[in-house]
Amino acid sequence: MNYQIISGILSSGLAIGALTFQAGRHSETIESLGVRVSQAETRTREQDGVLFDIHGKVCAIEKDIKHIMKKLNGDY
């Protein structure tokens, strides 16, 4: 066998191996990004729940204050 043929086969094999390795690295990166996005969505949902709870309490306090002010002003 000729050395040119062997070197061509080896270089082709190395190129294919490098491409396979890079594809594996990128797929792992994409997978980790999916986990990060999922965690961010969970945090956002939890924060929204807390904000809605706070908003509801503030609205209830605002109604109570308006009711007390009406009683103090004599506007039943």
C-alpha atoms as a PDB file:
ATOM      1  CA  MET A   1       0.000   0.000   0.000  1.00  0.00           C
ATOM      2  CA  ASN A   2       1.130   3.463  -0.778  1.00  0.00           C
ATOM      3  CA  TYR A   3       1.888   5.966   2.025  1.00  0.00           C
ATOM      4  CA  GLN A   4      -0.213   8.614   0.280  1.00  0.00           C
ATOM      5  CA  ILE A   5      -3.282   6.400   0.499  1.00  0.00           C
ATOM      6  CA  ILE A   6      -2.667   5.616   4.166  1.00  0.00           C
ATOM      7  CA  SER A   7      -2.120   9.296   5.036  1.00  0.00           C
ATOM      8  CA  GLY A   8      -5.329  10.210   3.181  1.00  0.00           C
ATOM      9  CA  ILE A   9      -7.319   7.600   5.102  1.00  0.00           C
ATOM     10  CA  LEU A  10      -5.832   8.694   8.432  1.00  0.00           C
ATOM     11  CA  SER A  11      -6.493  12.380   7.807  1.00  0.00           C
ATOM     12  CA  SER A  12     -10.075  11.619   6.750  1.00  0.00           C
ATOM     13  CA  GLY A  13     -10.573   9.556   9.907  1.00  0.00           C
ATOM     14  CA  LEU A  14      -9.186  12.345  12.090  1.00  0.00           C
ATOM     15  CA  ALA A  15     -11.454  14.903  10.423  1.00  0.00           C
ATOM     16  CA  ILE A  16     -14.523  12.717  10.950  1.00  0.00           C
ATOM     17  CA  GLY A  17     -13.498  12.093  14.570  1.00  0.00           C
ATOM     18  CA  ALA A  18     -13.054  15.821  15.200  1.00  0.00           C
ATOM     19  CA  LEU A  19     -16.465  16.581  13.694  1.00  0.00           C
ATOM     20  CA  THR A  20     -18.085  13.900  15.846  1.00  0.00           C
ATOM     21  CA  PHE A  21     -16.376  15.269  18.962  1.00  0.00           C
ATOM     22  CA  GLN A  22     -17.507  18.838  18.222  1.00  0.00           C
ATOM     23  CA  ALA A  23     -21.075  17.684  17.580  1.00  0.00           C
ATOM     24  CA  GLY A  24     -21.074  15.931  20.955  1.00  0.00           C
ATOM     25  CA  ARG A  25     -19.792  19.046  22.714  1.00  0.00           C
ATOM     26  CA  HIS A  26     -22.474  21.211  21.119  1.00  0.00           C
ATOM     27  CA  SER A  27     -25.258  18.775  21.946  1.00  0.00           C
ATOM     28  CA  GLU A  28     -24.145  18.768  25.593  1.00  0.00           C
ATOM     29  CA  THR A  29     -24.146  22.580  25.598  1.00  0.00           C
ATOM     30  CA  ILE A  30     -27.645  22.671  24.133  1.00  0.00           C
ATOM     31  CA  GLU A  31     -28.838  20.189  26.766  1.00  0.00           C
ATOM     32  CA  SER A  32     -27.430  22.305  29.606  1.00  0.00           C
ATOM     33  CA  LEU A  33     -29.099  25.385  28.136  1.00  0.00           C
ATOM     34  CA  GLY A  34     -32.425  23.550  28.182  1.00  0.00           C
ATOM     35  CA  VAL A  35     -31.989  22.879  31.900  1.00  0.00           C
ATOM     36  CA  ARG A  36     -31.149  26.549  32.550  1.00  0.00           C
ATOM     37  CA  VAL A  37     -34.228  27.717  30.652  1.00  0.00           C
ATOM     38  CA  SER A  38     -36.407  25.310  32.621  1.00  0.00           C
ATOM     39  CA  GLN A  39     -34.994  26.595  35.912  1.00  0.00           C
ATOM     40  CA  ALA A  40     -35.532  30.207  34.834  1.00  0.00           C
ATOM     41  CA  GLU A  41     -39.162  29.473  33.912  1.00  0.00           C
ATOM     42  CA  THR A  42     -39.729  27.857  37.305  1.00  0.00           C
ATOM     43  CA  ARG A  43     -38.246  30.874  39.099  1.00  0.00           C
ATOM     44  CA  THR A  44     -40.393  33.217  37.017  1.00  0.00           C
ATOM     45  CA  ARG A  45     -43.560  31.274  37.898  1.00  0.00           C
ATOM     46  CA  GLU A  46     -42.654  31.344  41.586  1.00  0.00           C
ATOM     47  CA  GLN A  47     -41.950  35.085  41.444  1.00  0.00           C
ATOM     48  CA  ASP A  48     -45.227  35.724  39.631  1.00  0.00           C
ATOM     49  CA  GLY A  49     -47.104  33.838  42.347  1.00  0.00           C
ATOM     50  CA  VAL A  50     -45.469  35.914  45.072  1.00  0.00           C
ATOM     51  CA  LEU A  51     -46.166  39.158  43.197  1.00  0.00           C
ATOM     52  CA  PHE A  52     -49.825  38.251  42.661  1.00  0.00           C
ATOM     53  CA  ASP A  53     -50.140  37.403  46.351  1.00  0.00           C
ATOM     54  CA  ILE A  54     -48.616  40.757  47.361  1.00  0.00           C
ATOM     55  CA  HIS A  55     -50.835  42.603  44.876  1.00  0.00           C
ATOM     56  CA  GLY A  56     -53.940  40.931  46.270  1.00  0.00           C
ATOM     57  CA  LYS A  57     -53.011  41.883  49.827  1.00  0.00           C
ATOM     58  CA  VAL A  58     -52.273  45.492  48.837  1.00  0.00           C
ATOM     59  CA  CYS A  59     -55.631  45.739  47.050  1.00  0.00           C
ATOM     60  CA  ALA A  60     -57.428  44.354  50.110  1.00  0.00           C
ATOM     61  CA  ILE A  61     -55.661  46.868  52.377  1.00  0.00           C
ATOM     62  CA  GLU A  62     -56.530  49.681  49.965  1.00  0.00           C
ATOM     63  CA  LYS A  63     -60.226  48.716  50.080  1.00  0.00           C
ATOM     64  CA  ASP A  64     -60.122  48.565  53.884  1.00  0.00           C
ATOM     65  CA  ILE A  65     -58.547  52.021  54.075  1.00  0.00           C
ATOM     66  CA  LYS A  66     -61.171  53.462  51.702  1.00  0.00           C
ATOM     67  CA  HIS A  67     -63.905  51.897  53.832  1.00  0.00           C
ATOM     68  CA  ILE A  68     -62.395  53.363  57.028  1.00  0.00           C
ATOM     69  CA  MET A  69     -62.058  56.784  55.395  1.00  0.00           C
ATOM     70  CA  LYS A  70     -65.728  56.696  54.349  1.00  0.00           C
ATOM     71  CA  LYS A  71     -66.719  55.856  57.941  1.00  0.00           C
ATOM     72  CA  LEU A  72     -64.573  58.687  59.322  1.00  0.00           C
ATOM     73  CA  ASN A  73     -66.035  61.178  56.844  1.00  0.00           C
ATOM     74  CA  GLY A  74     -69.584  60.014  57.516  1.00  0.00           C
ATOM     75  CA  ASP A  75     -70.150  58.754  53.965  1.00  0.00           C
ATOM     76  CA  TYR A  76     -71.792  55.411  54.693  1.00  0.00           C
END
